[in-house]
Structure formats: structure tokens, C-alpha cells
């Protein structure tokens, strides 16, 4: 809104005293064009700059979590930041359905505790994948069993580890889970008037299941994080090359983490069970493959390459000689 100078104020008052402008017309003329209601009983604590800085930080967390869960559960999982808003703890609890899955956790050495809410539309497919299923969603939402709650606690440990990893460059934190609750009516972690940041993440599991993850973080916990992040963005504009190099190292670290099982099939043979039970160390088995023939290399359960046996120093090794039929050289 534009400011009115003292000269303009005097001109308006003179015009009102002479009758050229009526009082109600003067009031309309100085009303702001665009205004927003502000509740002084619930003041905003996060600035717009802090919200934007937090959005950048949580976008990095969403990318890390997407990569981790996709490898951990062997399913395409996409997680994105949907919104970040500030509200009171009371408003957040009113929005939580019953039953719900709420994880109370802390991030040492940050002050206070926080809450993570997992949507059943996200949680049930993930639990199904964890037990070797296809990631299906039940027809009706039900309470979790004790075994499913145990799996949920393990899953939340992994999620919070990725949150701490995303915040690593800003602050070193150690996540600790205090409890996993299913009844929001019995949960009161903060004062009802406490200002919190509600971070909503959309989660797509496979091609059909869609849910969300909500993080309810109090102002006292987030203030040192977003303040430091905002200061770094202000004071370090010329270190893009170092940031890119750090991102490369993080990406390389995550690519190296998932274990891949490699199996080499030297050959096959058939024998009676009685003969198998009498095998001893030093016995020789006649396989269906000659010594000069290539062996098969399996990645997990799929044959990918043809290999030959050899040594690297004193260790047994294989050398890739060709791709398996149907595989293309990338």
C-alpha cells in the first residue's frame, strides 16, 4: 500500500472542510486495495523467507526419501513437497482422523519434540511391500496389528534417518522415536496454542496407491534450522560448484548403498539323493559344461552376462566376455 504524504493529508482535510469531499468518501479513498485479516491472538512466527528456506530443505529430503524407499522396497516411490503452512497445534490435531498413525520423535540436540503422520493410503501399501506383496491397499481402513506397528516404527526410523541426512549440512541431528500412537485424542505433545509448521508430502507408491506424509514441527525446533539455512543462502551465493560437488557425493553414496547379489553358474549336474548325502571334501563333480565354455552371471535372479573364471591376486574372480542374449549394451 502506498504511503500518503503530510501534504496530501492536508489537501484532503481542506477539501473535506470546504465540502468538496465528504467524510465517507475520504474513508473509502484511504482504504487499502488489498488487505488480509490478521489474528493477533495467533501471530505468525515463521517469516515468508523462512518458509521458502524450509521448502528448499524439505525438497532435498523428499528426493532422498524417494531414492531410499524405492531401493529399500524395490518399488517406484515418488515423494514431493505439497505444501508448508504454519498453524496452531490445536488446528493440526483437529485435522487428524481417528484412527491414525502418529509418531512422536525428537531431533537431538534440537529443542522439543515433533510429530509425523503417515496416511493409511501410503502406509498399508508400504507394509504390504515390506512383507513381499505387490503394494495393495485394503478395501477398508482398519487398526494396525502389533506386527504392523513394529514395522511402522522401523519404517519411521528409516524416514527420520533420511530427514537427518537432508539437514546434515545445516545441523547435525540424531532422530529418536519416543512413541507410535494410533489415537490422536489421547496425544498432547505441545500447548494447543503452539505455532507449528505443517509440512505435507505427497507419496505415490507404484502406479495406483497415493497418500501423504505429514510432519508437524514446532517453531522452537525449526527456528535454528531455517535461520541458519537462510543465512547460508544469503552469505554463500558463489559456492555453487562446491554445492554441486557435495550433491554428487551424496548421490554416489546412495547409489553404492543398495546391495546387489551376483551369482555365477559354473554348470549343472544330476545325482541321486543317496550320492549327494555321501559327498565329501575333495570329491569331483562332472558338470554339463566344458572348461573352455563361458559361465552365466546372474544379477539377482536374471542372467545378464557371460563370464570366464580367473583370479585377481589370490581371490577367485570372473571376467565378463559378453552380454546375455536379449541384453543391450547401455
C-alpha atoms as a PDB file:
ATOM      1  CA  UNK A   1       0.000   0.000   0.000  1.00  0.00           C
ATOM      2  CA  UNK A   2       1.331   3.457  -0.944  1.00  0.00           C
ATOM      3  CA  UNK A   3       2.018   5.919   1.874  1.00  0.00           C
ATOM      4  CA  UNK A   4       0.178   9.286   1.994  1.00  0.00           C
ATOM      5  CA  UNK A   5       2.433  12.295   2.460  1.00  0.00           C
ATOM      6  CA  UNK A   6       1.617  15.049   5.022  1.00  0.00           C
ATOM      7  CA  UNK A   7       0.936  17.460   2.159  1.00  0.00           C
ATOM      8  CA  UNK A   8      -1.638  15.107   0.649  1.00  0.00           C
ATOM      9  CA  UNK A   9      -3.287  14.652   4.065  1.00  0.00           C
ATOM     10  CA  UNK A  10      -3.645  18.442   4.486  1.00  0.00           C
ATOM     11  CA  UNK A  11      -5.098  18.752   0.994  1.00  0.00           C
ATOM     12  CA  UNK A  12      -7.709  16.071   1.759  1.00  0.00           C
ATOM     13  CA  UNK A  13      -8.644  17.710   5.074  1.00  0.00           C
ATOM     14  CA  UNK A  14      -9.025  21.120   3.422  1.00  0.00           C
ATOM     15  CA  UNK A  15     -11.210  19.598   0.732  1.00  0.00           C
ATOM     16  CA  UNK A  16     -13.370  17.911   3.377  1.00  0.00           C
ATOM     17  CA  UNK A  17     -13.745  21.168   5.369  1.00  0.00           C
ATOM     18  CA  UNK A  18     -14.895  23.080   2.276  1.00  0.00           C
ATOM     19  CA  UNK A  19     -17.341  20.322   1.328  1.00  0.00           C
ATOM     20  CA  UNK A  20     -15.585  19.240  -1.837  1.00  0.00           C
ATOM     21  CA  UNK A  21     -15.084  15.726  -0.372  1.00  0.00           C
ATOM     22  CA  UNK A  22     -17.460  14.120   2.098  1.00  0.00           C
ATOM     23  CA  UNK A  23     -16.197  12.218   5.139  1.00  0.00           C
ATOM     24  CA  UNK A  24     -17.379   8.781   3.963  1.00  0.00           C
ATOM     25  CA  UNK A  25     -15.705   9.356   0.570  1.00  0.00           C
ATOM     26  CA  UNK A  26     -12.445  10.199   2.333  1.00  0.00           C
ATOM     27  CA  UNK A  27     -12.578   6.959   4.305  1.00  0.00           C
ATOM     28  CA  UNK A  28     -13.088   4.968   1.123  1.00  0.00           C
ATOM     29  CA  UNK A  29     -10.229   6.744  -0.619  1.00  0.00           C
ATOM     30  CA  UNK A  30      -7.676   5.789   2.016  1.00  0.00           C
ATOM     31  CA  UNK A  31      -8.752   2.123   2.323  1.00  0.00           C
ATOM     32  CA  UNK A  32      -6.038  -0.282   1.086  1.00  0.00           C
ATOM     33  CA  UNK A  33      -6.846  -2.076  -2.141  1.00  0.00           C
ATOM     34  CA  UNK A  34      -5.677  -5.473  -0.891  1.00  0.00           C
ATOM     35  CA  UNK A  35      -5.703  -6.467   2.767  1.00  0.00           C
ATOM     36  CA  UNK A  36      -5.528  -9.674   4.754  1.00  0.00           C
ATOM     37  CA  UNK A  37      -7.110 -10.437   8.094  1.00  0.00           C
ATOM     38  CA  UNK A  38      -4.601 -10.940  10.890  1.00  0.00           C
ATOM     39  CA  UNK A  39      -5.405 -12.675  14.162  1.00  0.00           C
ATOM     40  CA  UNK A  40      -3.281 -11.048  16.888  1.00  0.00           C
ATOM     41  CA  UNK A  41      -4.151 -13.895  19.245  1.00  0.00           C
ATOM     42  CA  UNK A  42      -2.321 -16.287  16.898  1.00  0.00           C
ATOM     43  CA  UNK A  43       0.621 -14.355  15.468  1.00  0.00           C
ATOM     44  CA  UNK A  44       2.727 -15.814  12.667  1.00  0.00           C
ATOM     45  CA  UNK A  45       6.203 -16.766  13.837  1.00  0.00           C
ATOM     46  CA  UNK A  46       7.694 -18.057  10.572  1.00  0.00           C
ATOM     47  CA  UNK A  47       8.556 -15.354   8.050  1.00  0.00           C
ATOM     48  CA  UNK A  48       7.950 -15.849   4.343  1.00  0.00           C
ATOM     49  CA  UNK A  49      11.716 -16.143   3.810  1.00  0.00           C
ATOM     50  CA  UNK A  50      11.914 -18.887   6.447  1.00  0.00           C
ATOM     51  CA  UNK A  51       9.029 -20.786   4.827  1.00  0.00           C
ATOM     52  CA  UNK A  52      10.789 -20.602   1.440  1.00  0.00           C
ATOM     53  CA  UNK A  53      14.075 -21.759   3.005  1.00  0.00           C
ATOM     54  CA  UNK A  54      12.256 -24.629   4.687  1.00  0.00           C
ATOM     55  CA  UNK A  55      10.672 -25.597   1.375  1.00  0.00           C
ATOM     56  CA  UNK A  56      14.126 -25.872  -0.234  1.00  0.00           C
ATOM     57  CA  UNK A  57      15.352 -28.014   2.650  1.00  0.00           C
ATOM     58  CA  UNK A  58      12.328 -30.330   2.562  1.00  0.00           C
ATOM     59  CA  UNK A  59      12.548 -30.716  -1.221  1.00  0.00           C
ATOM     60  CA  UNK A  60      16.010 -32.218  -0.706  1.00  0.00           C
ATOM     61  CA  UNK A  61      14.531 -34.510   1.960  1.00  0.00           C
ATOM     62  CA  UNK A  62      11.776 -35.619  -0.445  1.00  0.00           C
ATOM     63  CA  UNK A  63      14.335 -36.530  -3.119  1.00  0.00           C
ATOM     64  CA  UNK A  64      16.461 -38.512  -0.661  1.00  0.00           C
ATOM     65  CA  UNK A  65      13.439 -40.328   0.730  1.00  0.00           C
ATOM     66  CA  UNK A  66      12.147 -41.195  -2.766  1.00  0.00           C
ATOM     67  CA  UNK A  67      15.501 -42.731  -3.723  1.00  0.00           C
ATOM     68  CA  UNK A  68      15.863 -44.610  -0.450  1.00  0.00           C
ATOM     69  CA  UNK A  69      12.346 -46.091  -0.305  1.00  0.00           C
ATOM     70  CA  UNK A  70      12.455 -47.081  -3.993  1.00  0.00           C
ATOM     71  CA  UNK A  71      15.615 -49.108  -3.354  1.00  0.00           C
ATOM     72  CA  UNK A  72      14.594 -50.318   0.106  1.00  0.00           C
ATOM     73  CA  UNK A  73      11.207 -51.660  -1.014  1.00  0.00           C
ATOM     74  CA  UNK A  74      12.138 -52.358  -4.664  1.00  0.00           C
ATOM     75  CA  UNK A  75       9.200 -50.343  -5.945  1.00  0.00           C
ATOM     76  CA  UNK A  76       8.905 -46.973  -7.661  1.00  0.00           C
ATOM     77  CA  UNK A  77       8.017 -44.480  -4.909  1.00  0.00           C
ATOM     78  CA  UNK A  78       7.766 -40.763  -5.664  1.00  0.00           C
ATOM     79  CA  UNK A  79       7.609 -38.217  -2.826  1.00  0.00           C
ATOM     80  CA  UNK A  80       7.186 -34.465  -3.340  1.00  0.00           C
ATOM     81  CA  UNK A  81       6.571 -31.451  -1.116  1.00  0.00           C
ATOM     82  CA  UNK A  82       2.900 -30.484  -1.469  1.00  0.00           C
ATOM     83  CA  UNK A  83       2.653 -27.542   0.950  1.00  0.00           C
ATOM     84  CA  UNK A  84       4.194 -25.908   4.009  1.00  0.00           C
ATOM     85  CA  UNK A  85       1.876 -23.876   6.227  1.00  0.00           C
ATOM     86  CA  UNK A  86       2.031 -22.562   9.761  1.00  0.00           C
ATOM     87  CA  UNK A  87      -0.857 -23.112  12.135  1.00  0.00           C
ATOM     88  CA  UNK A  88      -1.537 -23.947  15.750  1.00  0.00           C
ATOM     89  CA  UNK A  89      -1.132 -27.409  17.232  1.00  0.00           C
ATOM     90  CA  UNK A  90      -4.851 -27.385  18.012  1.00  0.00           C
ATOM     91  CA  UNK A  91      -5.740 -26.836  14.333  1.00  0.00           C
ATOM     92  CA  UNK A  92      -3.424 -29.662  13.296  1.00  0.00           C
ATOM     93  CA  UNK A  93      -4.937 -32.131  15.761  1.00  0.00           C
ATOM     94  CA  UNK A  94      -8.452 -31.251  14.584  1.00  0.00           C
ATOM     95  CA  UNK A  95      -7.426 -32.271  11.054  1.00  0.00           C
ATOM     96  CA  UNK A  96      -6.108 -35.713  12.114  1.00  0.00           C
ATOM     97  CA  UNK A  97      -8.617 -38.575  11.654  1.00  0.00           C
ATOM     98  CA  UNK A  98      -9.187 -41.330  14.179  1.00  0.00           C
ATOM     99  CA  UNK A  99      -7.625 -43.906  13.934  1.00  0.00           C
ATOM    100  CA  UNK A 100      -4.315 -42.505  12.731  1.00  0.00           C
ATOM    101  CA  UNK A 101      -0.649 -43.407  12.912  1.00  0.00           C
ATOM    102  CA  UNK A 102       1.288 -40.673  14.713  1.00  0.00           C
ATOM    103  CA  UNK A 103       4.978 -40.959  15.549  1.00  0.00           C
ATOM    104  CA  UNK A 104       6.331 -38.692  18.273  1.00  0.00           C
ATOM    105  CA  UNK A 105      10.045 -38.058  17.833  1.00  0.00           C
ATOM    106  CA  UNK A 106      12.863 -35.697  18.765  1.00  0.00           C
ATOM    107  CA  UNK A 107      15.907 -34.489  16.845  1.00  0.00           C
ATOM    108  CA  UNK A 108      18.741 -34.087  19.326  1.00  0.00           C
ATOM    109  CA  UNK A 109      20.174 -31.537  20.059  1.00  0.00           C
ATOM    110  CA  UNK A 110      17.177 -29.501  18.790  1.00  0.00           C
ATOM    111  CA  UNK A 111      14.646 -28.491  21.408  1.00  0.00           C
ATOM    112  CA  UNK A 112      11.279 -30.142  21.825  1.00  0.00           C
ATOM    113  CA  UNK A 113       9.519 -32.973  20.055  1.00  0.00           C
ATOM    114  CA  UNK A 114       7.670 -33.288  16.745  1.00  0.00           C
ATOM    115  CA  UNK A 115       5.011 -35.487  15.149  1.00  0.00           C
ATOM    116  CA  UNK A 116       4.978 -37.453  11.894  1.00  0.00           C
ATOM    117  CA  UNK A 117       1.642 -38.641  10.485  1.00  0.00           C
ATOM    118  CA  UNK A 118       1.530 -41.464   7.928  1.00  0.00           C
ATOM    119  CA  UNK A 119      -1.563 -41.671   5.759  1.00  0.00           C
ATOM    120  CA  UNK A 120      -3.079 -45.222   5.609  1.00  0.00           C
ATOM    121  CA  UNK A 121      -3.208 -44.906   1.796  1.00  0.00           C
ATOM    122  CA  UNK A 122       0.597 -44.694   1.930  1.00  0.00           C
ATOM    123  CA  UNK A 123       1.327 -46.879   4.948  1.00  0.00           C
ATOM    124  CA  UNK A 124      -0.647 -50.032   4.068  1.00  0.00           C
ATOM    125  CA  UNK A 125       0.898 -50.439   0.568  1.00  0.00           C
ATOM    126  CA  UNK A 126       4.369 -49.924   2.070  1.00  0.00           C
ATOM    127  CA  UNK A 127       3.709 -52.582   4.737  1.00  0.00           C
ATOM    128  CA  UNK A 128       2.440 -54.917   2.009  1.00  0.00           C
ATOM    129  CA  UNK A 129       5.651 -54.364   0.033  1.00  0.00           C
ATOM    130  CA  UNK A 130       7.701 -54.927   3.183  1.00  0.00           C
ATOM    131  CA  UNK A 131       6.212 -58.421   3.521  1.00  0.00           C
ATOM    132  CA  UNK A 132       6.785 -59.267  -0.153  1.00  0.00           C
ATOM    133  CA  UNK A 133       3.389 -58.216  -1.518  1.00  0.00           C
ATOM    134  CA  UNK A 134       2.538 -56.114  -4.557  1.00  0.00           C
ATOM    135  CA  UNK A 135       1.764 -52.915  -2.635  1.00  0.00           C
ATOM    136  CA  UNK A 136      -2.002 -53.283  -2.476  1.00  0.00           C
ATOM    137  CA  UNK A 137      -4.381 -51.179  -0.363  1.00  0.00           C
ATOM    138  CA  UNK A 138      -7.041 -52.810   1.858  1.00  0.00           C
ATOM    139  CA  UNK A 139     -10.694 -52.215   0.986  1.00  0.00           C
ATOM    140  CA  UNK A 140     -11.357 -50.570   4.351  1.00  0.00           C
ATOM    141  CA  UNK A 141      -9.098 -48.722   6.779  1.00  0.00           C
ATOM    142  CA  UNK A 142      -8.514 -50.672   9.989  1.00  0.00           C
ATOM    143  CA  UNK A 143      -6.334 -50.521  13.077  1.00  0.00           C
ATOM    144  CA  UNK A 144      -2.789 -51.791  12.747  1.00  0.00           C
ATOM    145  CA  UNK A 145      -1.767 -55.075  14.307  1.00  0.00           C
ATOM    146  CA  UNK A 146       1.160 -55.287  16.745  1.00  0.00           C
ATOM    147  CA  UNK A 147       3.388 -56.664  13.979  1.00  0.00           C
ATOM    148  CA  UNK A 148       2.377 -53.843  11.618  1.00  0.00           C
ATOM    149  CA  UNK A 149       3.068 -51.269  14.337  1.00  0.00           C
ATOM    150  CA  UNK A 150       6.532 -52.761  14.784  1.00  0.00           C
ATOM    151  CA  UNK A 151       7.145 -52.488  11.031  1.00  0.00           C
ATOM    152  CA  UNK A 152       5.837 -48.903  11.092  1.00  0.00           C
ATOM    153  CA  UNK A 153       8.303 -48.000  13.841  1.00  0.00           C
ATOM    154  CA  UNK A 154      11.155 -49.469  11.776  1.00  0.00           C
ATOM    155  CA  UNK A 155       9.937 -47.577   8.692  1.00  0.00           C
ATOM    156  CA  UNK A 156       9.759 -44.308  10.626  1.00  0.00           C
ATOM    157  CA  UNK A 157      13.334 -44.869  11.840  1.00  0.00           C
ATOM    158  CA  UNK A 158      14.461 -45.018   8.203  1.00  0.00           C
ATOM    159  CA  UNK A 159      12.397 -41.949   7.262  1.00  0.00           C
ATOM    160  CA  UNK A 160      13.815 -39.888  10.122  1.00  0.00           C
ATOM    161  CA  UNK A 161      17.353 -41.019   9.285  1.00  0.00           C
ATOM    162  CA  UNK A 162      16.826 -39.531   5.811  1.00  0.00           C
ATOM    163  CA  UNK A 163      15.451 -36.341   7.370  1.00  0.00           C
ATOM    164  CA  UNK A 164      18.610 -36.011   9.480  1.00  0.00           C
ATOM    165  CA  UNK A 165      20.708 -36.684   6.363  1.00  0.00           C
ATOM    166  CA  UNK A 166      18.907 -33.927   4.434  1.00  0.00           C
ATOM    167  CA  UNK A 167      19.606 -31.500   7.306  1.00  0.00           C
ATOM    168  CA  UNK A 168      23.219 -32.646   7.703  1.00  0.00           C
ATOM    169  CA  UNK A 169      24.769 -29.605   6.005  1.00  0.00           C
ATOM    170  CA  UNK A 170      22.708 -27.282   8.210  1.00  0.00           C
ATOM    171  CA  UNK A 171      22.779 -29.012  11.565  1.00  0.00           C
ATOM    172  CA  UNK A 172      23.907 -32.398  12.883  1.00  0.00           C
ATOM    173  CA  UNK A 173      20.872 -34.091  14.448  1.00  0.00           C
ATOM    174  CA  UNK A 174      20.106 -37.530  15.838  1.00  0.00           C
ATOM    175  CA  UNK A 175      16.482 -38.677  15.495  1.00  0.00           C
ATOM    176  CA  UNK A 176      14.956 -40.591  18.405  1.00  0.00           C
ATOM    177  CA  UNK A 177      11.449 -42.091  18.299  1.00  0.00           C
ATOM    178  CA  UNK A 178       9.588 -41.598  21.576  1.00  0.00           C
ATOM    179  CA  UNK A 179       6.357 -43.429  20.736  1.00  0.00           C
ATOM    180  CA  UNK A 180       3.985 -44.521  17.956  1.00  0.00           C
ATOM    181  CA  UNK A 181       0.359 -43.678  18.734  1.00  0.00           C
ATOM    182  CA  UNK A 182      -2.905 -44.575  16.980  1.00  0.00           C
ATOM    183  CA  UNK A 183      -5.377 -42.424  18.953  1.00  0.00           C
ATOM    184  CA  UNK A 184      -4.902 -38.674  18.341  1.00  0.00           C
ATOM    185  CA  UNK A 185      -7.437 -37.779  21.064  1.00  0.00           C
ATOM    186  CA  UNK A 186      -5.022 -39.024  23.721  1.00  0.00           C
ATOM    187  CA  UNK A 187      -1.969 -37.252  22.289  1.00  0.00           C
ATOM    188  CA  UNK A 188      -0.958 -33.804  23.511  1.00  0.00           C
ATOM    189  CA  UNK A 189       2.673 -33.064  22.802  1.00  0.00           C
ATOM    190  CA  UNK A 190       2.543 -29.240  22.803  1.00  0.00           C
ATOM    191  CA  UNK A 191       0.324 -26.491  24.074  1.00  0.00           C
ATOM    192  CA  UNK A 192      -2.770 -26.076  21.870  1.00  0.00           C
ATOM    193  CA  UNK A 193      -1.679 -22.505  21.031  1.00  0.00           C
ATOM    194  CA  UNK A 194       1.840 -23.574  19.985  1.00  0.00           C
ATOM    195  CA  UNK A 195       2.760 -22.442  16.463  1.00  0.00           C
ATOM    196  CA  UNK A 196       3.851 -25.341  14.263  1.00  0.00           C
ATOM    197  CA  UNK A 197       4.901 -25.815  10.657  1.00  0.00           C
ATOM    198  CA  UNK A 198       2.845 -28.462   8.873  1.00  0.00           C
ATOM    199  CA  UNK A 199       4.883 -29.993   6.034  1.00  0.00           C
ATOM    200  CA  UNK A 200       2.740 -32.128   3.724  1.00  0.00           C
ATOM    201  CA  UNK A 201       4.476 -34.568   1.380  1.00  0.00           C
ATOM    202  CA  UNK A 202       2.579 -36.448  -1.324  1.00  0.00           C
ATOM    203  CA  UNK A 203       3.632 -40.073  -1.757  1.00  0.00           C
ATOM    204  CA  UNK A 204       2.924 -42.281  -4.779  1.00  0.00           C
ATOM    205  CA  UNK A 205       3.581 -45.999  -4.280  1.00  0.00           C
ATOM    206  CA  UNK A 206       3.772 -47.833  -7.588  1.00  0.00           C
ATOM    207  CA  UNK A 207       1.188 -46.794 -10.153  1.00  0.00           C
ATOM    208  CA  UNK A 208      -2.009 -46.799  -8.111  1.00  0.00           C
ATOM    209  CA  UNK A 209      -1.510 -46.041  -4.399  1.00  0.00           C
ATOM    210  CA  UNK A 210      -1.347 -42.372  -3.424  1.00  0.00           C
ATOM    211  CA  UNK A 211      -1.111 -40.982   0.087  1.00  0.00           C
ATOM    212  CA  UNK A 212       0.740 -38.408   2.130  1.00  0.00           C
ATOM    213  CA  UNK A 213       3.224 -37.895   4.945  1.00  0.00           C
ATOM    214  CA  UNK A 214       2.683 -35.005   7.349  1.00  0.00           C
ATOM    215  CA  UNK A 215       5.424 -33.569   9.544  1.00  0.00           C
ATOM    216  CA  UNK A 216       4.276 -31.329  12.388  1.00  0.00           C
ATOM    217  CA  UNK A 217       7.350 -29.421  13.588  1.00  0.00           C
ATOM    218  CA  UNK A 218       7.147 -26.747  16.334  1.00  0.00           C
ATOM    219  CA  UNK A 219       8.651 -23.308  15.894  1.00  0.00           C
ATOM    220  CA  UNK A 220      11.111 -23.852  18.759  1.00  0.00           C
ATOM    221  CA  UNK A 221      12.597 -26.836  16.928  1.00  0.00           C
ATOM    222  CA  UNK A 222      12.706 -25.323  13.437  1.00  0.00           C
ATOM    223  CA  UNK A 223      13.853 -21.792  14.223  1.00  0.00           C
ATOM    224  CA  UNK A 224      17.623 -22.546  14.458  1.00  0.00           C
ATOM    225  CA  UNK A 225      17.426 -24.727  11.334  1.00  0.00           C
ATOM    226  CA  UNK A 226      15.646 -22.326   8.983  1.00  0.00           C
ATOM    227  CA  UNK A 227      17.530 -19.316  10.341  1.00  0.00           C
ATOM    228  CA  UNK A 228      20.885 -20.940   9.637  1.00  0.00           C
ATOM    229  CA  UNK A 229      19.729 -22.117   6.209  1.00  0.00           C
ATOM    230  CA  UNK A 230      18.507 -18.640   5.322  1.00  0.00           C
ATOM    231  CA  UNK A 231      21.804 -17.097   6.486  1.00  0.00           C
ATOM    232  CA  UNK A 232      23.807 -19.562   4.382  1.00  0.00           C
ATOM    233  CA  UNK A 233      21.756 -18.704   1.296  1.00  0.00           C
ATOM    234  CA  UNK A 234      22.399 -15.009   1.949  1.00  0.00           C
ATOM    235  CA  UNK A 235      26.124 -15.297   2.665  1.00  0.00           C
ATOM    236  CA  UNK A 236      27.288 -18.035   0.280  1.00  0.00           C
ATOM    237  CA  UNK A 237      25.983 -17.210  -3.208  1.00  0.00           C
ATOM    238  CA  UNK A 238      29.239 -18.023  -5.021  1.00  0.00           C
ATOM    239  CA  UNK A 239      29.799 -21.612  -3.851  1.00  0.00           C
ATOM    240  CA  UNK A 240      27.603 -23.375  -6.409  1.00  0.00           C
ATOM    241  CA  UNK A 241      30.458 -25.584  -7.587  1.00  0.00           C
ATOM    242  CA  UNK A 242      31.072 -26.851  -4.045  1.00  0.00           C
ATOM    243  CA  UNK A 243      27.353 -27.485  -3.580  1.00  0.00           C
ATOM    244  CA  UNK A 244      27.216 -29.444  -6.826  1.00  0.00           C
ATOM    245  CA  UNK A 245      30.219 -31.498  -5.763  1.00  0.00           C
ATOM    246  CA  UNK A 246      28.541 -32.244  -2.430  1.00  0.00           C
ATOM    247  CA  UNK A 247      25.367 -33.312  -4.217  1.00  0.00           C
ATOM    248  CA  UNK A 248      27.415 -35.649  -6.411  1.00  0.00           C
ATOM    249  CA  UNK A 249      28.990 -37.256  -3.349  1.00  0.00           C
ATOM    250  CA  UNK A 250      25.571 -37.747  -1.756  1.00  0.00           C
ATOM    251  CA  UNK A 251      24.200 -39.285  -4.953  1.00  0.00           C
ATOM    252  CA  UNK A 252      27.193 -41.600  -5.223  1.00  0.00           C
ATOM    253  CA  UNK A 253      26.737 -42.620  -1.595  1.00  0.00           C
ATOM    254  CA  UNK A 254      23.099 -43.573  -2.147  1.00  0.00           C
ATOM    255  CA  UNK A 255      23.901 -45.458  -5.361  1.00  0.00           C
ATOM    256  CA  UNK A 256      26.528 -47.511  -3.552  1.00  0.00           C
ATOM    257  CA  UNK A 257      24.283 -48.440  -0.623  1.00  0.00           C
ATOM    258  CA  UNK A 258      21.741 -50.921  -2.114  1.00  0.00           C
ATOM    259  CA  UNK A 259      23.305 -54.423  -2.073  1.00  0.00           C
ATOM    260  CA  UNK A 260      23.113 -56.378  -5.331  1.00  0.00           C
ATOM    261  CA  UNK A 261      23.551 -60.162  -5.302  1.00  0.00           C
ATOM    262  CA  UNK A 262      25.739 -61.579  -8.088  1.00  0.00           C
ATOM    263  CA  UNK A 263      25.686 -65.320  -8.790  1.00  0.00           C
ATOM    264  CA  UNK A 264      27.886 -67.250 -11.233  1.00  0.00           C
ATOM    265  CA  UNK A 265      26.570 -70.581 -12.506  1.00  0.00           C
ATOM    266  CA  UNK A 266      29.544 -72.786 -13.411  1.00  0.00           C
ATOM    267  CA  UNK A 267      27.395 -75.686 -14.612  1.00  0.00           C
ATOM    268  CA  UNK A 268      24.822 -78.256 -13.566  1.00  0.00           C
ATOM    269  CA  UNK A 269      24.704 -81.966 -12.870  1.00  0.00           C
ATOM    270  CA  UNK A 270      22.246 -84.579 -11.668  1.00  0.00           C
ATOM    271  CA  UNK A 271      22.753 -87.176  -8.947  1.00  0.00           C
ATOM    272  CA  UNK A 272      20.806 -89.413  -6.625  1.00  0.00           C
ATOM    273  CA  UNK A 273      19.985 -88.178  -3.129  1.00  0.00           C
ATOM    274  CA  UNK A 274      21.992 -91.050  -1.649  1.00  0.00           C
ATOM    275  CA  UNK A 275      25.050 -89.990  -3.668  1.00  0.00           C
ATOM    276  CA  UNK A 276      24.548 -86.383  -2.603  1.00  0.00           C
ATOM    277  CA  UNK A 277      24.480 -87.327   1.066  1.00  0.00           C
ATOM    278  CA  UNK A 278      27.810 -89.172   0.706  1.00  0.00           C
ATOM    279  CA  UNK A 279      29.682 -86.221  -0.844  1.00  0.00           C
ATOM    280  CA  UNK A 280      32.906 -85.343   0.941  1.00  0.00           C
ATOM    281  CA  UNK A 281      35.566 -82.666   0.636  1.00  0.00           C
ATOM    282  CA  UNK A 282      37.773 -83.360  -2.387  1.00  0.00           C
ATOM    283  CA  UNK A 283      35.120 -85.193  -4.441  1.00  0.00           C
ATOM    284  CA  UNK A 284      34.934 -84.186  -8.117  1.00  0.00           C
ATOM    285  CA  UNK A 285      31.588 -83.499  -9.822  1.00  0.00           C
ATOM    286  CA  UNK A 286      31.163 -83.839 -13.587  1.00  0.00           C
ATOM    287  CA  UNK A 287      29.242 -80.791 -14.859  1.00  0.00           C
ATOM    288  CA  UNK A 288      27.391 -80.335 -18.145  1.00  0.00           C
ATOM    289  CA  UNK A 289      29.793 -77.599 -19.303  1.00  0.00           C
ATOM    290  CA  UNK A 290      33.344 -77.754 -20.665  1.00  0.00           C
ATOM    291  CA  UNK A 291      36.214 -75.882 -19.036  1.00  0.00           C
ATOM    292  CA  UNK A 292      36.602 -73.543 -22.016  1.00  0.00           C
ATOM    293  CA  UNK A 293      32.899 -72.637 -22.124  1.00  0.00           C
ATOM    294  CA  UNK A 294      31.568 -69.361 -20.693  1.00  0.00           C
ATOM    295  CA  UNK A 295      29.654 -69.396 -17.426  1.00  0.00           C
ATOM    296  CA  UNK A 296      26.414 -67.496 -16.643  1.00  0.00           C
ATOM    297  CA  UNK A 297      26.394 -64.383 -14.418  1.00  0.00           C
ATOM    298  CA  UNK A 298      23.085 -63.636 -12.686  1.00  0.00           C
ATOM    299  CA  UNK A 299      22.208 -60.211 -11.213  1.00  0.00           C
ATOM    300  CA  UNK A 300      19.662 -61.044  -8.519  1.00  0.00           C
ATOM    301  CA  UNK A 301      17.568 -63.639 -10.430  1.00  0.00           C
ATOM    302  CA  UNK A 302      18.175 -62.505 -14.019  1.00  0.00           C
ATOM    303  CA  UNK A 303      21.001 -63.740 -16.222  1.00  0.00           C
ATOM    304  CA  UNK A 304      22.877 -60.711 -17.575  1.00  0.00           C
ATOM    305  CA  UNK A 305      26.348 -61.715 -18.774  1.00  0.00           C
ATOM    306  CA  UNK A 306      28.634 -64.489 -19.956  1.00  0.00           C
ATOM    307  CA  UNK A 307      31.868 -64.740 -17.950  1.00  0.00           C
ATOM    308  CA  UNK A 308      35.104 -66.718 -17.676  1.00  0.00           C
ATOM    309  CA  UNK A 309      36.726 -67.809 -14.432  1.00  0.00           C
ATOM    310  CA  UNK A 310      40.026 -66.358 -13.265  1.00  0.00           C
ATOM    311  CA  UNK A 311      41.938 -64.808 -10.378  1.00  0.00           C
ATOM    312  CA  UNK A 312      42.656 -61.315  -9.022  1.00  0.00           C
ATOM    313  CA  UNK A 313      45.662 -61.870  -6.805  1.00  0.00           C
ATOM    314  CA  UNK A 314      44.702 -64.797  -4.583  1.00  0.00           C
ATOM    315  CA  UNK A 315      40.953 -64.261  -5.000  1.00  0.00           C
ATOM    316  CA  UNK A 316      38.618 -66.085  -7.354  1.00  0.00           C
ATOM    317  CA  UNK A 317      37.111 -63.748  -9.964  1.00  0.00           C
ATOM    318  CA  UNK A 318      35.280 -63.718 -13.284  1.00  0.00           C
ATOM    319  CA  UNK A 319      35.781 -61.648 -16.417  1.00  0.00           C
ATOM    320  CA  UNK A 320      32.752 -60.522 -18.441  1.00  0.00           C
ATOM    321  CA  UNK A 321      33.066 -61.708 -22.030  1.00  0.00           C
ATOM    322  CA  UNK A 322      29.640 -60.898 -23.475  1.00  0.00           C
ATOM    323  CA  UNK A 323      26.116 -59.756 -22.599  1.00  0.00           C
ATOM    324  CA  UNK A 324      23.432 -62.396 -22.323  1.00  0.00           C
ATOM    325  CA  UNK A 325      21.069 -62.802 -25.247  1.00  0.00           C
ATOM    326  CA  UNK A 326      18.442 -60.058 -25.242  1.00  0.00           C
ATOM    327  CA  UNK A 327      20.534 -57.615 -23.188  1.00  0.00           C
ATOM    328  CA  UNK A 328      21.693 -54.358 -24.753  1.00  0.00           C
ATOM    329  CA  UNK A 329      24.921 -52.577 -24.047  1.00  0.00           C
ATOM    330  CA  UNK A 330      23.915 -49.283 -22.330  1.00  0.00           C
END
